[in-house]
């Protein structure tokens, strides 16, 4: 009888967090675009009474990594809400349509 294969355990990956990244980057808006080969996440910081918002970080992910990110985010939101209660959001958000992000292309 065939035994189910156990997942191979590799060596642990060392992850470095540089000092300049350790404090994080504040973002209150993310614009997402995609092409057949990638998803581009532009994290933006918008401040009250300031006419110009700034992209503070850009992440480029393959489609499979973008889906893993979405699944991980959904799971973490579920855990957060089970511990702290439901997260409420506004029904409508005014999206800045003058944003000139990347054009989707391969």
N, C-alpha and C. Protein backbone atom coordinates (compact mmCIF):
# COMPACT_ATOMS: atom_id res chain seq x y z
N UNK A 1 0.84 -1.17 0.00
CA UNK A 1 0.00 0.00 0.00
C UNK A 1 0.89 1.24 0.00
N UNK A 2 0.54 2.22 -0.85
CA UNK A 2 1.32 3.45 -0.93
C UNK A 2 1.03 4.35 0.27
N UNK A 3 2.08 4.85 0.86
CA UNK A 3 1.96 5.80 1.95
C UNK A 3 1.89 7.20 1.36
N UNK A 4 1.06 8.09 1.92
CA UNK A 4 1.06 9.47 1.42
C UNK A 4 2.41 10.11 1.67
N UNK A 5 2.86 10.88 0.71
CA UNK A 5 4.16 11.52 0.84
C UNK A 5 4.05 12.68 1.82
N UNK A 6 5.03 12.77 2.70
CA UNK A 6 5.08 13.88 3.65
C UNK A 6 5.78 15.04 2.96
N UNK A 7 5.33 16.25 3.26
CA UNK A 7 6.03 17.40 2.67
C UNK A 7 7.49 17.43 3.13
N UNK A 8 8.36 17.77 2.20
CA UNK A 8 9.77 17.86 2.55
C UNK A 8 10.00 19.08 3.42
N UNK A 9 10.80 18.89 4.45
CA UNK A 9 11.15 20.00 5.31
C UNK A 9 12.51 20.51 4.88
N UNK A 10 12.54 21.76 4.47
CA UNK A 10 13.80 22.36 4.08
C UNK A 10 14.44 23.07 5.25
N UNK A 11 15.56 23.66 4.99
CA UNK A 11 16.23 24.44 6.02
C UNK A 11 15.44 25.73 6.24
N UNK A 12 15.40 26.21 7.48
CA UNK A 12 14.68 27.48 7.72
C UNK A 12 15.33 28.62 6.95
N UNK A 13 14.51 29.54 6.52
CA UNK A 13 15.00 30.70 5.78
C UNK A 13 15.26 31.82 6.77
N UNK A 14 16.43 32.40 6.69
CA UNK A 14 16.73 33.57 7.51
C UNK A 14 16.17 34.79 6.82
N UNK A 15 15.41 35.57 7.56
CA UNK A 15 14.81 36.78 7.01
C UNK A 15 15.41 37.98 7.72
N UNK A 16 15.96 38.88 6.94
CA UNK A 16 16.60 40.08 7.50
C UNK A 16 15.62 41.25 7.40
N UNK A 17 15.48 42.00 8.48
CA UNK A 17 14.68 43.21 8.50
C UNK A 17 15.62 44.37 8.80
N UNK A 18 15.90 45.16 7.78
CA UNK A 18 16.84 46.27 7.93
C UNK A 18 16.23 47.35 8.82
N UNK A 19 17.08 48.09 9.50
CA UNK A 19 16.62 49.11 10.44
C UNK A 19 15.72 50.15 9.77
N UNK A 20 16.05 50.55 8.54
CA UNK A 20 15.24 51.58 7.88
C UNK A 20 13.87 51.07 7.46
N UNK A 21 13.66 49.75 7.42
CA UNK A 21 12.35 49.18 7.11
C UNK A 21 11.59 48.75 8.36
N UNK A 22 12.29 48.62 9.49
CA UNK A 22 11.69 48.07 10.70
C UNK A 22 10.54 48.91 11.24
N UNK A 23 10.58 50.22 11.03
CA UNK A 23 9.51 51.07 11.54
C UNK A 23 8.28 51.05 10.64
N UNK A 24 8.40 50.51 9.46
CA UNK A 24 7.27 50.44 8.54
C UNK A 24 7.09 51.73 7.76
N UNK A 25 6.13 51.71 6.85
CA UNK A 25 5.80 52.87 6.03
C UNK A 25 4.29 53.05 6.08
N UNK A 26 3.83 54.24 6.42
CA UNK A 26 2.40 54.50 6.53
C UNK A 26 1.77 54.64 5.15
N UNK A 27 0.65 53.97 4.96
CA UNK A 27 -0.12 54.06 3.72
C UNK A 27 -1.60 53.99 4.08
N UNK A 28 -2.40 54.86 3.47
CA UNK A 28 -3.84 54.81 3.70
C UNK A 28 -4.62 54.62 2.40
N UNK A 29 -3.90 54.23 1.35
CA UNK A 29 -4.53 53.94 0.06
C UNK A 29 -3.60 53.02 -0.71
N UNK A 30 -4.18 52.08 -1.44
CA UNK A 30 -3.38 51.24 -2.33
C UNK A 30 -4.10 51.18 -3.68
N UNK A 31 -3.35 51.39 -4.73
CA UNK A 31 -3.87 51.28 -6.09
C UNK A 31 -3.25 50.01 -6.68
N UNK A 32 -4.08 49.18 -7.28
CA UNK A 32 -3.62 47.90 -7.80
C UNK A 32 -3.88 47.84 -9.30
N UNK A 33 -2.86 47.52 -10.05
CA UNK A 33 -2.99 47.28 -11.48
C UNK A 33 -2.39 45.92 -11.78
N UNK A 34 -2.70 45.39 -12.94
CA UNK A 34 -2.16 44.07 -13.27
C UNK A 34 -2.00 43.91 -14.78
N UNK A 35 -1.17 42.97 -15.12
CA UNK A 35 -0.97 42.53 -16.49
C UNK A 35 -1.09 41.02 -16.46
N UNK A 36 -0.96 40.34 -17.58
CA UNK A 36 -1.01 38.88 -17.54
C UNK A 36 0.10 38.25 -16.68
N UNK A 37 1.19 38.99 -16.45
CA UNK A 37 2.33 38.39 -15.75
C UNK A 37 2.63 38.96 -14.38
N UNK A 38 1.94 40.05 -13.98
CA UNK A 38 2.27 40.64 -12.69
C UNK A 38 1.14 41.49 -12.13
N UNK A 39 1.16 41.66 -10.82
CA UNK A 39 0.30 42.60 -10.12
C UNK A 39 1.20 43.68 -9.54
N UNK A 40 0.78 44.94 -9.67
CA UNK A 40 1.54 46.06 -9.13
C UNK A 40 0.69 46.73 -8.06
N UNK A 41 1.25 46.80 -6.85
CA UNK A 41 0.59 47.44 -5.71
C UNK A 41 1.33 48.73 -5.42
N UNK A 42 0.68 49.86 -5.61
CA UNK A 42 1.26 51.15 -5.25
C UNK A 42 0.62 51.60 -3.95
N UNK A 43 1.41 51.62 -2.87
CA UNK A 43 0.95 52.06 -1.57
C UNK A 43 1.16 53.56 -1.48
N UNK A 44 0.09 54.28 -1.14
CA UNK A 44 0.06 55.74 -1.22
C UNK A 44 -0.25 56.31 0.15
N UNK A 45 0.37 57.43 0.45
CA UNK A 45 0.06 58.17 1.66
C UNK A 45 -0.62 59.47 1.26
N UNK A 46 -1.87 59.61 1.69
CA UNK A 46 -2.65 60.83 1.42
C UNK A 46 -2.84 61.56 2.75
N UNK A 47 -2.51 62.83 2.78
CA UNK A 47 -2.67 63.61 4.00
C UNK A 47 -3.74 64.68 3.81
N UNK A 48 -4.50 64.98 4.87
CA UNK A 48 -5.54 66.01 4.77
C UNK A 48 -4.95 67.36 4.36
N UNK A 49 -5.68 68.07 3.54
CA UNK A 49 -5.33 69.42 3.08
C UNK A 49 -4.07 69.47 2.22
N UNK A 50 -3.57 68.32 1.80
CA UNK A 50 -2.42 68.29 0.90
C UNK A 50 -2.94 67.81 -0.45
N UNK A 51 -2.74 68.59 -1.49
CA UNK A 51 -3.30 68.28 -2.80
C UNK A 51 -2.62 67.11 -3.50
N UNK A 52 -1.39 66.84 -3.14
CA UNK A 52 -0.64 65.80 -3.85
C UNK A 52 -0.34 64.63 -2.91
N UNK A 53 -0.74 63.44 -3.32
CA UNK A 53 -0.44 62.24 -2.56
C UNK A 53 0.84 61.63 -3.12
N UNK A 54 1.50 60.79 -2.32
CA UNK A 54 2.78 60.24 -2.71
C UNK A 54 2.77 58.72 -2.62
N UNK A 55 3.29 58.07 -3.68
CA UNK A 55 3.50 56.63 -3.61
C UNK A 55 4.70 56.42 -2.69
N UNK A 56 4.47 55.67 -1.60
CA UNK A 56 5.53 55.47 -0.62
C UNK A 56 6.21 54.11 -0.78
N UNK A 57 5.52 53.16 -1.38
CA UNK A 57 6.10 51.85 -1.68
C UNK A 57 5.41 51.27 -2.90
N UNK A 58 6.15 50.52 -3.68
CA UNK A 58 5.59 49.78 -4.81
C UNK A 58 6.03 48.33 -4.67
N UNK A 59 5.05 47.43 -4.73
CA UNK A 59 5.34 46.00 -4.73
C UNK A 59 4.89 45.41 -6.05
N UNK A 60 5.71 44.59 -6.64
CA UNK A 60 5.38 43.90 -7.88
C UNK A 60 5.39 42.41 -7.57
N UNK A 61 4.25 41.74 -7.78
CA UNK A 61 4.11 40.33 -7.46
C UNK A 61 3.65 39.54 -8.68
N UNK A 62 4.05 38.28 -8.72
CA UNK A 62 3.50 37.39 -9.75
C UNK A 62 2.04 37.10 -9.38
N UNK A 63 1.22 36.68 -10.34
CA UNK A 63 -0.18 36.39 -10.02
C UNK A 63 -0.37 35.37 -8.91
N UNK A 64 0.44 34.32 -8.88
CA UNK A 64 0.28 33.32 -7.81
C UNK A 64 0.64 33.89 -6.45
N UNK A 65 1.65 34.75 -6.37
CA UNK A 65 1.98 35.39 -5.10
C UNK A 65 0.90 36.39 -4.69
N UNK A 66 0.32 37.08 -5.66
CA UNK A 66 -0.77 38.02 -5.34
C UNK A 66 -1.96 37.27 -4.75
N UNK A 67 -2.27 36.11 -5.29
CA UNK A 67 -3.38 35.32 -4.75
C UNK A 67 -3.05 34.80 -3.35
N UNK A 68 -1.80 34.38 -3.13
CA UNK A 68 -1.40 33.95 -1.79
C UNK A 68 -1.50 35.11 -0.80
N UNK A 69 -1.11 36.31 -1.25
CA UNK A 69 -1.23 37.49 -0.40
C UNK A 69 -2.69 37.75 -0.05
N UNK A 70 -3.58 37.67 -1.03
CA UNK A 70 -5.01 37.89 -0.79
C UNK A 70 -5.55 36.86 0.20
N UNK A 71 -5.17 35.60 0.05
CA UNK A 71 -5.62 34.55 0.97
C UNK A 71 -5.09 34.79 2.38
N UNK A 72 -3.81 35.16 2.49
CA UNK A 72 -3.22 35.42 3.80
C UNK A 72 -3.88 36.63 4.46
N UNK A 73 -4.16 37.66 3.68
CA UNK A 73 -4.81 38.85 4.22
C UNK A 73 -6.22 38.52 4.70
N UNK A 74 -6.97 37.76 3.91
CA UNK A 74 -8.32 37.35 4.32
C UNK A 74 -8.28 36.54 5.61
N UNK A 75 -7.34 35.63 5.72
CA UNK A 75 -7.22 34.81 6.92
C UNK A 75 -6.87 35.67 8.14
N UNK A 76 -5.97 36.61 7.96
CA UNK A 76 -5.59 37.47 9.07
C UNK A 76 -6.71 38.42 9.47
N UNK A 77 -7.48 38.88 8.52
CA UNK A 77 -8.64 39.72 8.84
C UNK A 77 -9.67 38.90 9.62
N UNK A 78 -9.90 37.66 9.20
CA UNK A 78 -10.83 36.78 9.92
C UNK A 78 -10.37 36.61 11.37
N UNK A 79 -9.08 36.34 11.58
CA UNK A 79 -8.55 36.17 12.94
C UNK A 79 -8.67 37.47 13.74
N UNK A 80 -8.35 38.58 13.13
CA UNK A 80 -8.44 39.88 13.80
C UNK A 80 -9.87 40.15 14.26
N UNK A 81 -10.84 39.94 13.34
CA UNK A 81 -12.23 40.23 13.67
C UNK A 81 -12.77 39.27 14.72
N UNK A 82 -12.31 38.04 14.75
CA UNK A 82 -12.77 37.11 15.78
C UNK A 82 -12.24 37.52 17.15
N UNK A 83 -11.11 38.21 17.18
CA UNK A 83 -10.53 38.66 18.45
C UNK A 83 -10.98 40.06 18.85
N UNK A 84 -11.12 40.97 17.86
CA UNK A 84 -11.37 42.38 18.16
C UNK A 84 -12.73 42.90 17.68
N UNK A 85 -13.48 42.11 16.98
CA UNK A 85 -14.75 42.56 16.44
C UNK A 85 -14.63 42.98 14.99
N UNK A 86 -15.77 43.18 14.37
CA UNK A 86 -15.81 43.49 12.94
C UNK A 86 -15.12 44.81 12.62
N UNK A 87 -14.43 44.83 11.51
CA UNK A 87 -13.83 46.05 10.99
C UNK A 87 -14.90 46.73 10.15
N UNK A 88 -15.17 47.99 10.44
CA UNK A 88 -16.18 48.72 9.66
C UNK A 88 -15.47 49.56 8.60
N UNK A 89 -16.10 49.67 7.44
CA UNK A 89 -15.56 50.47 6.36
C UNK A 89 -16.64 51.40 5.84
N UNK A 90 -16.22 52.49 5.22
CA UNK A 90 -17.16 53.39 4.58
C UNK A 90 -17.74 52.69 3.37
N UNK A 91 -19.00 52.99 3.06
CA UNK A 91 -19.63 52.38 1.89
C UNK A 91 -18.99 52.85 0.60
N UNK A 92 -18.60 54.12 0.55
CA UNK A 92 -18.04 54.67 -0.69
C UNK A 92 -16.75 55.40 -0.37
N UNK A 93 -15.78 55.21 -1.24
CA UNK A 93 -14.50 55.89 -1.08
C UNK A 93 -14.21 56.65 -2.37
N UNK A 94 -13.86 57.91 -2.26
CA UNK A 94 -13.52 58.70 -3.44
C UNK A 94 -12.14 58.33 -3.92
N UNK A 95 -12.08 57.69 -5.07
CA UNK A 95 -10.82 57.23 -5.65
C UNK A 95 -10.21 58.34 -6.50
N UNK A 96 -8.94 58.61 -6.33
CA UNK A 96 -8.30 59.64 -7.16
C UNK A 96 -8.10 59.12 -8.59
N UNK A 97 -8.90 59.61 -9.51
CA UNK A 97 -8.84 59.11 -10.87
C UNK A 97 -7.74 59.76 -11.70
N UNK A 98 -7.03 60.69 -11.13
CA UNK A 98 -5.92 61.31 -11.86
C UNK A 98 -4.60 60.60 -11.58
N UNK A 99 -4.65 59.46 -10.91
CA UNK A 99 -3.44 58.70 -10.62
C UNK A 99 -2.87 58.12 -11.90
N UNK A 100 -1.59 58.34 -12.13
CA UNK A 100 -0.93 57.85 -13.33
C UNK A 100 -0.02 56.68 -12.97
N UNK A 101 -0.62 55.57 -12.60
CA UNK A 101 0.14 54.39 -12.23
C UNK A 101 0.62 53.64 -13.46
N UNK A 102 1.17 52.47 -13.25
CA UNK A 102 1.70 51.71 -14.38
C UNK A 102 0.58 51.22 -15.29
N UNK A 103 0.85 51.23 -16.57
CA UNK A 103 -0.12 50.70 -17.54
C UNK A 103 0.09 49.20 -17.62
N UNK A 104 -1.01 48.43 -17.58
CA UNK A 104 -0.86 46.98 -17.66
C UNK A 104 -0.28 46.55 -19.00
N UNK A 105 0.82 45.86 -18.92
CA UNK A 105 1.43 45.29 -20.12
C UNK A 105 2.35 44.16 -19.71
N UNK A 106 2.65 43.30 -20.60
CA UNK A 106 3.49 42.14 -20.28
C UNK A 106 4.93 42.52 -20.21
